Protein backbone atom coordinates (compact mmCIF):
# COMPACT_ATOMS: atom_id res chain seq x y z
CA MET A 1 41.44 9.89 37.30
CA GLY A 2 39.34 9.56 40.80
CA LEU A 3 37.14 12.56 40.31
CA ASN A 4 36.33 11.42 36.76
CA PHE A 5 35.28 8.31 37.86
CA VAL A 6 33.20 9.58 41.25
CA LEU A 7 31.91 11.88 38.43
CA SER A 8 30.70 9.91 35.63
CA ASN A 9 29.17 7.59 38.07
CA MET A 10 27.08 10.50 39.68
CA HIS A 11 26.01 11.65 35.92
CA ASN A 12 24.92 7.57 35.41
CA LEU A 13 23.16 7.46 38.96
CA LEU A 14 21.27 10.80 37.92
CA GLY A 15 20.33 10.12 34.43
CA HIS A 16 18.88 7.01 36.09
CA PHE A 17 16.93 8.49 38.74
CA ARG A 18 15.47 10.88 36.12
CA VAL A 19 14.04 8.27 33.91
CA MET A 20 12.46 6.69 37.71
CA VAL A 21 10.89 10.10 38.31
CA MET A 22 9.46 10.58 34.79
CA VAL A 23 7.88 6.65 34.59
CA ALA A 24 6.53 7.33 38.20
CA LEU A 25 4.88 10.86 37.05
CA ALA A 26 3.66 9.10 33.91
CA CYS A 27 1.93 6.30 35.45
CA LEU A 28 0.43 8.53 38.34
CA GLY A 29 -1.03 10.62 34.75
CA LEU A 30 1.08 13.41 35.77
CA LEU A 31 3.42 13.56 32.81
CA SER A 32 2.25 13.04 29.19
CA PRO A 33 4.34 11.22 27.29
CA PRO A 34 6.50 12.94 24.42
CA GLU A 35 4.98 13.88 21.16
CA GLN A 36 6.14 11.44 18.48
CA ALA A 37 9.26 12.24 16.19
CA TYR A 38 7.49 10.91 13.55
CA SER A 39 3.67 11.43 13.47
CA ASP A 40 1.50 8.48 12.63
CA GLU A 41 0.28 10.76 9.63
CA TYR A 42 3.56 10.33 7.53
CA THR A 43 4.05 6.39 8.30
CA SER A 44 0.47 5.64 7.67
CA SER A 45 0.35 7.31 4.12
CA CYS A 46 3.30 4.83 2.89
CA VAL A 47 3.05 1.60 1.28
CA LEU A 48 5.89 -1.04 1.39
CA VAL A 49 6.20 -2.69 -2.29
CA MET A 50 8.53 -4.66 -3.45
CA ASN A 51 10.77 -3.73 -7.06
CA GLY A 52 11.91 -6.54 -7.71
CA GLN A 53 14.18 -7.88 -5.12
CA THR A 54 14.25 -4.61 -3.45
CA PRO A 55 11.63 -3.29 -0.86
CA ALA A 56 10.65 0.69 -1.90
CA LEU A 57 8.18 2.79 0.47
CA ILE A 58 6.18 5.12 -1.39
CA PRO A 59 3.09 7.82 -0.60
CA VAL A 60 0.08 6.27 -1.00
CA SER A 61 -1.19 8.74 -3.20
CA VAL A 62 1.45 7.94 -5.52
CA ALA A 63 0.33 4.08 -5.38
CA VAL A 64 -3.35 5.28 -5.87
CA ALA A 65 -2.67 6.84 -9.01
CA TRP A 66 -0.30 3.72 -10.07
CA ILE A 67 -3.25 1.69 -9.78
CA LYS A 68 -5.20 3.54 -11.54
CA LYS A 69 -3.02 3.91 -14.64
CA ARG A 70 -1.95 0.51 -14.64
CA VAL A 71 -4.94 -1.74 -13.79
CA PRO A 72 -6.72 -1.87 -16.62
CA VAL A 73 -10.99 -1.08 -17.46
CA VAL A 74 -12.48 -3.75 -19.58
CA GLU A 75 -16.30 -4.55 -19.95
CA TYR A 76 -17.14 -7.67 -17.50
CA GLY A 77 -18.22 -9.21 -20.84
CA SER A 78 -15.42 -9.26 -22.64
CA PHE A 79 -13.27 -10.09 -19.32
CA LEU A 80 -15.45 -13.11 -19.56
CA GLU A 81 -15.27 -14.29 -22.98
CA ARG A 82 -11.58 -13.93 -22.85
CA LEU A 83 -11.34 -16.52 -19.75
CA GLY A 84 -13.88 -18.35 -21.36
CA MET A 85 -16.62 -18.18 -18.95
CA HIS A 86 -18.86 -16.70 -20.98
CA GLU A 87 -20.95 -19.60 -22.21
CA ARG A 88 -21.21 -21.56 -19.01
CA GLY A 89 -23.75 -18.39 -18.13
CA ASP A 90 -22.00 -17.46 -15.51
CA GLU A 91 -22.55 -13.52 -17.08
CA ASP A 92 -23.59 -11.83 -13.48
CA ALA A 93 -21.01 -11.61 -10.88
CA VAL A 94 -21.94 -9.70 -7.69
CA CYS A 95 -19.65 -6.88 -6.31
CA ARG A 96 -18.50 -7.56 -2.56
CA VAL A 97 -18.30 -3.73 -2.44
CA CYS A 98 -21.69 -2.41 -3.34
CA LEU A 99 -23.33 -5.81 -3.30
CA ASP A 100 -25.17 -5.32 -6.70
CA CYS A 101 -25.00 -7.58 -9.53
CA ILE A 102 -22.17 -6.54 -11.88
CA LYS A 103 -23.62 -7.24 -15.60
CA GLY A 104 -21.72 -7.98 -18.98
CA ARG A 105 -21.62 -4.48 -19.87
CA HIS A 106 -20.77 -2.96 -16.64
CA ALA A 107 -16.95 -1.25 -16.52
CA ILE A 108 -14.42 -3.43 -14.25
CA ARG A 109 -10.80 -3.54 -13.31
CA GLU A 110 -9.08 -6.27 -14.15
CA LEU A 111 -6.97 -7.01 -11.14
CA SER A 112 -3.19 -9.03 -11.92
CA ASN A 113 -2.80 -10.15 -8.71
CA CYS A 114 -6.02 -12.01 -7.57
CA CYS A 115 -9.16 -13.26 -9.33
CA HIS A 116 -11.87 -11.26 -7.74
CA VAL A 117 -14.14 -9.05 -9.52
CA PHE A 118 -15.59 -4.95 -8.62
CA HIS A 119 -17.41 -2.64 -10.45
CA GLN A 120 -14.99 -0.06 -11.46
CA GLU A 121 -16.19 3.18 -9.86
CA CYS A 122 -16.97 0.68 -6.56
CA LEU A 123 -12.75 -0.20 -6.54
CA ASP A 124 -11.74 3.59 -7.59
CA ALA A 125 -13.66 4.61 -4.42
CA TRP A 126 -12.01 1.70 -2.26
CA VAL A 127 -8.66 3.25 -3.80
CA ASP A 128 -9.38 6.96 -3.31
CA GLU A 129 -9.82 6.13 0.41
CA GLY A 130 -5.94 5.26 0.17
CA GLN A 131 -6.61 1.27 0.38
CA VAL A 132 -4.38 -0.33 -1.79
CA THR A 133 -5.47 -3.97 -1.62
CA CYS A 134 -7.68 -5.98 -2.87
CA PRO A 135 -11.29 -5.60 -0.63
CA LEU A 136 -11.66 -9.23 -0.13
CA CYS A 137 -7.98 -11.32 0.02
CA ARG A 138 -5.74 -8.16 0.34
CA SER A 139 -3.32 -8.81 -2.38
CA MET A 140 -1.93 -5.90 -3.57
CA LEU A 141 -3.42 -4.18 -6.09
CA LEU A 142 -0.60 -2.69 -7.59
CA PRO A 143 0.13 -5.17 -10.84
CA ALA A 144 3.68 -6.40 -10.76
CA LYS A 145 5.93 -4.76 -12.98
């Protein structure tokens, strides 16, 4: 029992010494840190979504496909009519992605989680860059199930 205790303590002491030497070498710039077990590419290519009460981690490519499939494309004029805003003369808005006017005949994606309006092409280009939130308020573009 005495020999095992001494060997165990010696092993722990050598482990601590090894860590101290590695930290010293890293601080001096003589030792580069080991590669990450999980690459940043993997962790940044997923998005956390709530599926009811359960969070789910899905790939951004899947989220992009869901957004394009499930967020409806409508004509801006009919969108305003449905909201009862067509009569007020608020027909033209500004797309905050391209900074161009949104006319009544332009196609937009009708967002369900916020009230912002963008040209369909502008929002699709935003989503194609891996962005899954509104460009202005950062609410999720994925509609609730």
